[in-house]
Amino acid sequence: MATLEEITEGMRDRVGEKSGLDATLKFDFGDDGVIYVDGVSSPNTVTNEDKEADCTMKMSKEDFLKMVNGELDGTTAFMMGKLKIEGSMGVAMKLQSVLK
């Protein structure tokens, strides 16, 4: 199982300097921590700060890794209750292009 630091570093690589999100996004893994993506700043930043975001995606770290690795579809995870989205659904939809 990847550590939060390894997952955060992987997200930095995927997001890059200009993700096209033009919004803030937070992955909330409960007791396992958070990943905060600032897609507004230039360059974009990815940290483990627990700040307010335009969209918060709540899921387990395990399910997040499955989603990133293509083993779990985001829509399926949402329908199964494995992924909860708070805030802008539009930001969540933009994320698909970043995660692929």
Protein backbone atom coordinates (compact mmCIF):
# COMPACT_ATOMS: atom_id res chain seq x y z
CA MET A 1 0.00 0.00 0.00
CA ALA A 2 1.35 3.38 -1.00
CA THR A 3 1.92 6.01 1.67
CA LEU A 4 0.13 9.36 1.61
CA GLU A 5 3.45 10.98 0.64
CA GLU A 6 3.86 8.61 -2.34
CA ILE A 7 0.28 9.26 -3.47
CA THR A 8 0.80 13.03 -3.11
CA GLU A 9 3.98 12.88 -5.19
CA GLY A 10 2.14 10.88 -7.86
CA MET A 11 -0.60 13.51 -7.95
CA ARG A 12 2.03 16.25 -8.36
CA ASP A 13 3.31 14.41 -11.45
CA ARG A 14 -0.21 13.99 -12.87
CA VAL A 15 -1.34 17.56 -12.17
CA GLY A 16 1.84 19.22 -13.43
CA GLU A 17 2.15 22.99 -13.61
CA LYS A 18 -1.09 23.58 -15.54
CA SER A 19 -3.78 20.94 -15.02
CA GLY A 20 -6.66 22.83 -16.60
CA LEU A 21 -8.77 22.31 -13.46
CA ASP A 22 -8.98 26.06 -12.75
CA ALA A 23 -10.36 25.14 -9.31
CA THR A 24 -9.34 23.70 -5.95
CA LEU A 25 -9.91 20.06 -5.15
CA LYS A 26 -9.44 18.00 -2.02
CA PHE A 27 -9.24 14.24 -1.65
CA ASP A 28 -10.28 13.31 1.87
CA PHE A 29 -9.07 9.86 2.93
CA GLY A 30 -10.45 10.17 6.47
CA ASP A 31 -7.88 9.13 9.08
CA ASP A 32 -5.32 8.53 6.28
CA GLY A 33 -5.10 12.29 5.52
CA VAL A 34 -5.89 14.60 2.61
CA ILE A 35 -4.46 15.68 -0.70
CA TYR A 36 -5.20 19.28 -1.70
CA VAL A 37 -4.88 20.27 -5.37
CA ASP A 38 -4.72 23.98 -6.14
CA GLY A 39 -5.50 24.15 -9.83
CA VAL A 40 -5.92 27.94 -9.67
CA SER A 41 -2.37 28.88 -8.66
CA SER A 42 0.35 29.11 -11.29
CA PRO A 43 2.07 26.75 -11.23
CA ASN A 44 -0.53 24.35 -9.81
CA THR A 45 0.36 22.91 -6.39
CA VAL A 46 -0.42 19.65 -4.60
CA THR A 47 -0.07 19.49 -0.80
CA ASN A 48 -1.42 17.67 2.23
CA GLU A 49 -3.04 20.81 3.67
CA ASP A 50 -6.61 20.41 4.87
CA LYS A 51 -8.15 23.57 3.37
CA GLU A 52 -11.53 24.49 1.93
CA ALA A 53 -11.88 23.41 -1.70
CA ASP A 54 -14.32 23.94 -4.57
CA CYS A 55 -14.83 20.16 -4.62
CA THR A 56 -14.09 17.56 -1.93
CA MET A 57 -13.94 13.89 -2.83
CA LYS A 58 -14.26 11.53 0.12
CA MET A 59 -13.07 7.97 -0.34
CA SER A 60 -10.68 5.41 1.06
CA LYS A 61 -7.03 5.55 0.06
CA GLU A 62 -7.38 2.01 -1.32
CA ASP A 63 -10.29 2.96 -3.60
CA PHE A 64 -8.43 6.08 -4.74
CA LEU A 65 -5.45 3.95 -5.78
CA LYS A 66 -7.76 1.57 -7.66
CA MET A 67 -9.33 4.53 -9.44
CA VAL A 68 -5.96 6.02 -10.42
CA ASN A 69 -4.73 2.63 -11.64
CA GLY A 70 -7.84 2.14 -13.80
CA GLU A 71 -9.18 -0.72 -11.67
CA LEU A 72 -12.21 1.28 -10.45
CA ASP A 73 -14.25 3.68 -12.55
CA GLY A 74 -15.08 6.98 -10.84
CA THR A 75 -18.73 6.85 -11.83
CA THR A 76 -19.02 3.27 -10.57
CA ALA A 77 -17.33 4.23 -7.29
CA PHE A 78 -19.81 7.09 -6.88
CA MET A 79 -22.83 4.88 -7.64
CA MET A 80 -21.58 2.20 -5.20
CA GLY A 81 -21.15 4.79 -2.43
CA LYS A 82 -17.37 4.32 -2.37
CA LEU A 83 -16.91 7.93 -3.48
CA LYS A 84 -18.76 10.89 -2.01
CA ILE A 85 -18.53 14.30 -3.67
CA GLU A 86 -19.17 17.60 -1.90
CA GLY A 87 -19.20 20.88 -3.80
CA SER A 88 -18.82 21.35 -7.53
CA MET A 89 -19.61 18.25 -9.58
CA GLY A 90 -18.15 20.09 -12.60
CA VAL A 91 -14.71 20.12 -10.96
CA ALA A 92 -15.05 16.40 -10.22
CA MET A 93 -15.80 15.77 -13.91
CA LYS A 94 -12.72 17.75 -15.01
CA LEU A 95 -10.59 15.56 -12.78
CA GLN A 96 -11.05 12.55 -15.05
CA SER A 97 -8.72 14.09 -17.63
CA VAL A 98 -6.04 14.65 -14.97
CA LEU A 99 -6.21 11.12 -13.56
CA LYS A 100 -5.84 9.36 -16.91
